[in-house]
Amino acid sequence: MSDNSVVSRRAPVWGGLLLGAAGIFVQKAGGVDYAAVPPGAVIFAVGALLVLALRWSWVPLLGVLVGVFMTVGFAANPDSLARLGHPGEFLAFLGTWIQVIGVVAALVGGIGLTVSRRRPGKVRSPR
C-alpha cells in the first residue's frame, strides 16, 4: 500500500471516527449509562467503514457529518460536558476526552481532504 493510497489519506477521518467509538466504550467501562450496544459507537463505526469502503471523492464529508451529528448530541447532554472536567471518575473522563479528540480528528481530516480535492488547478483522480 503506497503512502498516497485512499486508506492512508483518509486515516484521520476513519481513525477519528473509530477513536470516537472507542471513547464511548471507555466511558461505558467507567460507569456511564449507555445501552448494551451504544448507538453512538455504532454510528461512529458505520461512518468509519463507509469512509474506508467507498471510493468517491466526497466520502470524507461523511466523517464531517458524523462528527457534527455526534457533537450536537454531545453538547445537548449536560452530563457529557460535565465529564470533561471531572477526572475523579477517571474512565468516564478519559473516554469523554478520547471521544472528543476522535471527533475533532474526523472533522479536521474530513474538511481538509474535501477542501484539498476542490482547490483550483489540482488534478483530481476519477475516484
N, C-alpha and C. Protein backbone atom coordinates (compact mmCIF):
# COMPACT_ATOMS: atom_id res chain seq x y z
N MET A 1 0.86 -1.18 0.00
CA MET A 1 0.00 0.00 0.00
C MET A 1 0.89 1.23 0.00
N SER A 2 0.67 2.11 -0.94
CA SER A 2 1.51 3.31 -1.04
C SER A 2 1.07 4.35 -0.02
N ASP A 3 1.95 5.31 0.24
CA ASP A 3 1.64 6.38 1.17
C ASP A 3 0.49 7.25 0.69
N ASN A 4 0.23 7.22 -0.60
CA ASN A 4 -0.80 8.07 -1.17
C ASN A 4 -2.11 7.32 -1.39
N SER A 5 -2.26 6.15 -0.80
CA SER A 5 -3.48 5.37 -1.00
C SER A 5 -4.67 6.06 -0.35
N VAL A 6 -5.85 5.68 -0.83
CA VAL A 6 -7.08 6.25 -0.29
C VAL A 6 -7.18 5.97 1.21
N VAL A 7 -6.83 4.77 1.62
CA VAL A 7 -6.93 4.41 3.04
C VAL A 7 -6.02 5.29 3.88
N SER A 8 -4.78 5.50 3.45
CA SER A 8 -3.88 6.31 4.27
C SER A 8 -4.24 7.79 4.23
N ARG A 9 -4.71 8.29 3.09
CA ARG A 9 -5.12 9.70 3.03
C ARG A 9 -6.32 9.96 3.92
N ARG A 10 -7.20 9.00 4.04
CA ARG A 10 -8.41 9.17 4.85
C ARG A 10 -8.24 8.74 6.30
N ALA A 11 -7.04 8.34 6.69
CA ALA A 11 -6.80 7.84 8.04
C ALA A 11 -7.27 8.78 9.15
N PRO A 12 -7.05 10.09 9.04
CA PRO A 12 -7.55 10.96 10.11
C PRO A 12 -9.07 10.89 10.26
N VAL A 13 -9.76 10.66 9.15
CA VAL A 13 -11.23 10.62 9.19
C VAL A 13 -11.70 9.31 9.80
N TRP A 14 -11.34 8.18 9.19
CA TRP A 14 -11.82 6.92 9.73
C TRP A 14 -11.20 6.60 11.08
N GLY A 15 -9.95 7.01 11.27
CA GLY A 15 -9.32 6.80 12.57
C GLY A 15 -9.98 7.61 13.67
N GLY A 16 -10.33 8.86 13.35
CA GLY A 16 -11.03 9.69 14.33
C GLY A 16 -12.38 9.13 14.69
N LEU A 17 -13.10 8.61 13.69
CA LEU A 17 -14.41 8.03 13.97
C LEU A 17 -14.29 6.78 14.84
N LEU A 18 -13.30 5.93 14.54
CA LEU A 18 -13.09 4.74 15.37
C LEU A 18 -12.64 5.13 16.78
N LEU A 19 -11.86 6.18 16.89
CA LEU A 19 -11.45 6.67 18.20
C LEU A 19 -12.66 7.15 18.99
N GLY A 20 -13.58 7.83 18.32
CA GLY A 20 -14.82 8.26 18.97
C GLY A 20 -15.60 7.07 19.50
N ALA A 21 -15.69 6.00 18.71
CA ALA A 21 -16.39 4.79 19.16
C ALA A 21 -15.68 4.18 20.36
N ALA A 22 -14.35 4.13 20.32
CA ALA A 22 -13.59 3.59 21.44
C ALA A 22 -13.82 4.42 22.70
N GLY A 23 -13.90 5.73 22.53
CA GLY A 23 -14.15 6.60 23.68
C GLY A 23 -15.47 6.29 24.36
N ILE A 24 -16.48 5.98 23.56
CA ILE A 24 -17.79 5.63 24.14
C ILE A 24 -17.68 4.35 24.96
N PHE A 25 -16.94 3.36 24.45
CA PHE A 25 -16.79 2.11 25.21
C PHE A 25 -15.96 2.31 26.48
N VAL A 26 -14.98 3.21 26.44
CA VAL A 26 -14.23 3.52 27.67
C VAL A 26 -15.15 4.19 28.69
N GLN A 27 -16.00 5.10 28.23
CA GLN A 27 -16.97 5.73 29.13
C GLN A 27 -17.89 4.69 29.75
N LYS A 28 -18.36 3.76 28.91
CA LYS A 28 -19.25 2.70 29.40
C LYS A 28 -18.54 1.86 30.48
N ALA A 29 -17.26 1.57 30.24
CA ALA A 29 -16.48 0.82 31.24
C ALA A 29 -16.33 1.62 32.53
N GLY A 30 -16.36 2.95 32.41
CA GLY A 30 -16.24 3.82 33.58
C GLY A 30 -17.56 4.07 34.30
N GLY A 31 -18.62 3.41 33.85
CA GLY A 31 -19.89 3.52 34.56
C GLY A 31 -20.90 4.48 33.96
N VAL A 32 -20.58 5.08 32.82
CA VAL A 32 -21.53 5.97 32.16
C VAL A 32 -22.67 5.11 31.62
N ASP A 33 -23.89 5.58 31.81
CA ASP A 33 -25.06 4.81 31.43
C ASP A 33 -25.29 4.85 29.92
N TYR A 34 -24.98 3.74 29.26
CA TYR A 34 -25.22 3.57 27.83
C TYR A 34 -26.01 2.28 27.65
N ALA A 35 -26.65 2.14 26.50
CA ALA A 35 -27.33 0.88 26.16
C ALA A 35 -26.27 -0.21 26.02
N ALA A 36 -26.72 -1.47 25.96
CA ALA A 36 -25.78 -2.59 25.82
C ALA A 36 -24.89 -2.39 24.61
N VAL A 37 -25.48 -1.97 23.51
CA VAL A 37 -24.71 -1.59 22.32
C VAL A 37 -24.98 -0.11 22.11
N PRO A 38 -24.04 0.75 22.50
CA PRO A 38 -24.27 2.19 22.42
C PRO A 38 -24.51 2.66 20.99
N PRO A 39 -25.63 3.34 20.73
CA PRO A 39 -25.91 3.81 19.37
C PRO A 39 -24.82 4.73 18.82
N GLY A 40 -24.24 5.56 19.66
CA GLY A 40 -23.18 6.45 19.20
C GLY A 40 -21.98 5.68 18.66
N ALA A 41 -21.61 4.60 19.33
CA ALA A 41 -20.49 3.78 18.87
C ALA A 41 -20.82 3.14 17.52
N VAL A 42 -22.06 2.72 17.35
CA VAL A 42 -22.48 2.13 16.08
C VAL A 42 -22.41 3.18 14.97
N ILE A 43 -22.88 4.39 15.25
CA ILE A 43 -22.83 5.47 14.26
C ILE A 43 -21.39 5.77 13.88
N PHE A 44 -20.51 5.87 14.87
CA PHE A 44 -19.10 6.11 14.59
C PHE A 44 -18.51 4.98 13.72
N ALA A 45 -18.78 3.74 14.10
CA ALA A 45 -18.20 2.59 13.39
C ALA A 45 -18.71 2.49 11.96
N VAL A 46 -20.01 2.69 11.75
CA VAL A 46 -20.56 2.64 10.40
C VAL A 46 -19.98 3.77 9.55
N GLY A 47 -19.86 4.95 10.12
CA GLY A 47 -19.24 6.07 9.40
C GLY A 47 -17.81 5.74 8.99
N ALA A 48 -17.05 5.15 9.91
CA ALA A 48 -15.66 4.78 9.60
C ALA A 48 -15.60 3.74 8.48
N LEU A 49 -16.47 2.75 8.54
CA LEU A 49 -16.49 1.73 7.50
C LEU A 49 -16.85 2.31 6.13
N LEU A 50 -17.80 3.24 6.11
CA LEU A 50 -18.17 3.87 4.84
C LEU A 50 -17.02 4.71 4.28
N VAL A 51 -16.33 5.42 5.16
CA VAL A 51 -15.18 6.23 4.71
C VAL A 51 -14.09 5.31 4.15
N LEU A 52 -13.92 4.15 4.75
CA LEU A 52 -12.91 3.20 4.27
C LEU A 52 -13.35 2.51 2.97
N ALA A 53 -14.61 2.14 2.87
CA ALA A 53 -15.07 1.28 1.78
C ALA A 53 -15.41 2.02 0.50
N LEU A 54 -15.96 3.21 0.60
CA LEU A 54 -16.42 3.92 -0.59
C LEU A 54 -15.26 4.70 -1.20
N ARG A 55 -15.22 4.74 -2.51
CA ARG A 55 -14.10 5.36 -3.22
C ARG A 55 -14.40 6.76 -3.74
N TRP A 56 -15.57 7.30 -3.50
CA TRP A 56 -15.94 8.61 -4.02
C TRP A 56 -15.18 9.72 -3.33
N SER A 57 -14.92 10.80 -4.06
CA SER A 57 -14.12 11.88 -3.52
C SER A 57 -14.81 12.65 -2.39
N TRP A 58 -16.12 12.61 -2.33
CA TRP A 58 -16.85 13.35 -1.30
C TRP A 58 -17.02 12.56 -0.01
N VAL A 59 -16.59 11.31 0.01
CA VAL A 59 -16.81 10.46 1.18
C VAL A 59 -16.23 11.03 2.47
N PRO A 60 -15.09 11.73 2.47
CA PRO A 60 -14.62 12.31 3.73
C PRO A 60 -15.65 13.23 4.39
N LEU A 61 -16.57 13.78 3.61
CA LEU A 61 -17.62 14.60 4.20
C LEU A 61 -18.53 13.80 5.13
N LEU A 62 -18.60 12.47 4.91
CA LEU A 62 -19.37 11.63 5.84
C LEU A 62 -18.78 11.73 7.25
N GLY A 63 -17.46 11.78 7.33
CA GLY A 63 -16.81 11.95 8.63
C GLY A 63 -17.19 13.26 9.27
N VAL A 64 -17.28 14.30 8.45
CA VAL A 64 -17.69 15.61 8.96
C VAL A 64 -19.13 15.56 9.45
N LEU A 65 -20.01 14.95 8.65
CA LEU A 65 -21.42 14.86 9.05
C LEU A 65 -21.60 14.06 10.33
N VAL A 66 -20.91 12.93 10.43
CA VAL A 66 -21.00 12.13 11.67
C VAL A 66 -20.45 12.93 12.84
N GLY A 67 -19.33 13.62 12.63
CA GLY A 67 -18.74 14.42 13.70
C GLY A 67 -19.66 15.53 14.17
N VAL A 68 -20.30 16.22 13.23
CA VAL A 68 -21.24 17.29 13.59
C VAL A 68 -22.44 16.70 14.34
N PHE A 69 -22.98 15.60 13.82
CA PHE A 69 -24.12 14.95 14.46
C PHE A 69 -23.80 14.55 15.90
N MET A 70 -22.63 13.94 16.09
CA MET A 70 -22.25 13.49 17.43
C MET A 70 -21.92 14.68 18.34
N THR A 71 -21.39 15.75 17.78
CA THR A 71 -21.11 16.95 18.59
C THR A 71 -22.40 17.58 19.09
N VAL A 72 -23.42 17.63 18.24
CA VAL A 72 -24.71 18.18 18.67
C VAL A 72 -25.29 17.33 19.79
N GLY A 73 -25.26 16.01 19.62
CA GLY A 73 -25.76 15.12 20.67
C GLY A 73 -24.96 15.24 21.96
N PHE A 74 -23.66 15.38 21.83
CA PHE A 74 -22.77 15.53 22.98
C PHE A 74 -23.09 16.83 23.73
N ALA A 75 -23.21 17.92 22.98
CA ALA A 75 -23.45 19.22 23.60
C ALA A 75 -24.85 19.31 24.21
N ALA A 76 -25.80 18.56 23.68
CA ALA A 76 -27.16 18.58 24.21
C ALA A 76 -27.28 17.84 25.53
N ASN A 77 -26.29 17.03 25.86
CA ASN A 77 -26.31 16.26 27.10
C ASN A 77 -25.40 16.93 28.13
N PRO A 78 -25.98 17.56 29.16
CA PRO A 78 -25.14 18.26 30.14
C PRO A 78 -24.18 17.34 30.88
N ASP A 79 -24.53 16.07 31.01
CA ASP A 79 -23.62 15.13 31.67
C ASP A 79 -22.32 14.95 30.89
N SER A 80 -22.44 14.97 29.56
CA SER A 80 -21.24 14.82 28.72
C SER A 80 -20.28 15.97 28.96
N LEU A 81 -20.81 17.17 28.95
CA LEU A 81 -19.96 18.35 29.17
C LEU A 81 -19.35 18.34 30.57
N ALA A 82 -20.12 17.89 31.55
CA ALA A 82 -19.62 17.85 32.93
C ALA A 82 -18.47 16.86 33.08
N ARG A 83 -18.52 15.74 32.33
CA ARG A 83 -17.46 14.72 32.45
C ARG A 83 -16.10 15.25 31.97
N LEU A 84 -16.10 16.26 31.11
CA LEU A 84 -14.83 16.80 30.61
C LEU A 84 -13.97 17.40 31.71
N GLY A 85 -14.59 17.82 32.77
CA GLY A 85 -13.84 18.48 33.84
C GLY A 85 -13.78 17.73 35.15
N HIS A 86 -14.15 16.45 35.16
CA HIS A 86 -14.15 15.68 36.41
C HIS A 86 -13.25 14.45 36.30
N PRO A 87 -11.95 14.63 36.48
CA PRO A 87 -11.04 13.49 36.36
C PRO A 87 -11.16 12.48 37.49
N GLY A 88 -11.96 12.79 38.52
CA GLY A 88 -12.16 11.85 39.63
C GLY A 88 -12.79 10.55 39.16
N GLU A 89 -13.69 10.63 38.21
CA GLU A 89 -14.27 9.44 37.57
C GLU A 89 -13.44 9.18 36.32
N PHE A 90 -12.28 8.57 36.54
CA PHE A 90 -11.23 8.60 35.53
C PHE A 90 -11.63 7.99 34.19
N LEU A 91 -12.23 6.80 34.17
CA LEU A 91 -12.56 6.19 32.88
C LEU A 91 -13.62 6.99 32.12
N ALA A 92 -14.59 7.53 32.84
CA ALA A 92 -15.60 8.38 32.18
C ALA A 92 -14.93 9.64 31.62
N PHE A 93 -14.05 10.23 32.40
CA PHE A 93 -13.29 11.42 31.98
C PHE A 93 -12.42 11.10 30.76
N LEU A 94 -11.65 10.03 30.85
CA LEU A 94 -10.75 9.63 29.77
C LEU A 94 -11.53 9.30 28.50
N GLY A 95 -12.60 8.53 28.64
CA GLY A 95 -13.40 8.15 27.48
C GLY A 95 -14.03 9.35 26.80
N THR A 96 -14.46 10.32 27.59
CA THR A 96 -15.04 11.53 27.01
C THR A 96 -14.00 12.29 26.21
N TRP A 97 -12.80 12.42 26.75
CA TRP A 97 -11.74 13.11 26.02
C TRP A 97 -11.30 12.33 24.78
N ILE A 98 -11.28 11.01 24.86
CA ILE A 98 -10.95 10.20 23.68
C ILE A 98 -11.99 10.45 22.59
N GLN A 99 -13.26 10.48 22.99
CA GLN A 99 -14.33 10.74 22.03
C GLN A 99 -14.18 12.12 21.40
N VAL A 100 -13.91 13.13 22.21
CA VAL A 100 -13.76 14.49 21.70
C VAL A 100 -12.58 14.57 20.72
N ILE A 101 -11.47 13.98 21.07
CA ILE A 101 -10.29 14.01 20.19
C ILE A 101 -10.59 13.29 18.88
N GLY A 102 -11.31 12.17 18.95
CA GLY A 102 -11.69 11.46 17.74
C GLY A 102 -12.59 12.28 16.84
N VAL A 103 -13.56 12.97 17.42
CA VAL A 103 -14.47 13.81 16.63
C VAL A 103 -13.70 14.96 15.99
N VAL A 104 -12.81 15.59 16.73
CA VAL A 104 -12.02 16.69 16.18
C VAL A 104 -11.16 16.19 15.01
N ALA A 105 -10.54 15.03 15.16
CA ALA A 105 -9.73 14.46 14.08
C ALA A 105 -10.57 14.19 12.84
N ALA A 106 -11.76 13.62 13.03
CA ALA A 106 -12.64 13.34 11.89
C ALA A 106 -13.10 14.62 11.22
N LEU A 107 -13.44 15.63 12.02
CA LEU A 107 -13.89 16.91 11.44
C LEU A 107 -12.77 17.59 10.66
N VAL A 108 -11.61 17.72 11.28
CA VAL A 108 -10.50 18.41 10.63
C VAL A 108 -10.02 17.62 9.41
N GLY A 109 -9.90 16.31 9.57
CA GLY A 109 -9.47 15.48 8.44
C GLY A 109 -10.45 15.50 7.29
N GLY A 110 -11.73 15.39 7.60
CA GLY A 110 -12.75 15.41 6.55
C GLY A 110 -12.82 16.73 5.82
N ILE A 111 -12.77 17.81 6.56
CA ILE A 111 -12.80 19.14 5.92
C ILE A 111 -11.53 19.34 5.10
N GLY A 112 -10.39 18.99 5.67
CA GLY A 112 -9.12 19.15 4.97
C GLY A 112 -9.06 18.36 3.67
N LEU A 113 -9.49 17.11 3.70
CA LEU A 113 -9.48 16.31 2.48
C LEU A 113 -10.44 16.85 1.44
N THR A 114 -11.59 17.27 1.87
CA THR A 114 -12.58 17.80 0.93
C THR A 114 -12.10 19.09 0.29
N VAL A 115 -11.55 19.98 1.10
CA VAL A 115 -11.03 21.25 0.56
C VAL A 115 -9.86 21.01 -0.37
N SER A 116 -8.96 20.11 0.00
CA SER A 116 -7.78 19.86 -0.84
C SER A 116 -8.17 19.26 -2.18
N ARG A 117 -9.27 18.55 -2.24
CA ARG A 117 -9.73 17.97 -3.50
C ARG A 117 -10.42 19.00 -4.38
N ARG A 118 -10.81 20.13 -3.82
CA ARG A 118 -11.55 21.15 -4.56
C ARG A 118 -10.71 22.36 -4.93
N ARG A 119 -9.44 22.38 -4.59
CA ARG A 119 -8.59 23.53 -4.92
C ARG A 119 -8.44 23.68 -6.42
N PRO A 120 -8.53 24.91 -6.91
CA PRO A 120 -8.34 25.11 -8.35
C PRO A 120 -6.94 24.73 -8.78
N GLY A 121 -6.84 24.14 -9.97
CA GLY A 121 -5.55 23.76 -10.51
C GLY A 121 -5.08 22.39 -10.08
N LYS A 122 -5.72 21.79 -9.12
CA LYS A 122 -5.31 20.47 -8.67
C LYS A 122 -5.93 19.42 -9.59
N VAL A 123 -5.13 18.48 -10.03
CA VAL A 123 -5.64 17.41 -10.89
C VAL A 123 -6.23 16.35 -9.98
N ARG A 124 -7.48 16.01 -10.26
CA ARG A 124 -8.16 15.02 -9.43
C ARG A 124 -8.23 13.68 -10.15
N SER A 125 -8.08 12.62 -9.39
CA SER A 125 -8.26 11.30 -9.97
C SER A 125 -9.75 11.01 -10.08
N PRO A 126 -10.15 10.11 -10.98
CA PRO A 126 -11.59 9.88 -11.20
C PRO A 126 -12.28 9.14 -10.06
N ARG A 127 -11.61 8.79 -9.00
CA ARG A 127 -12.23 8.02 -7.91
C ARG A 127 -13.11 8.86 -7.12
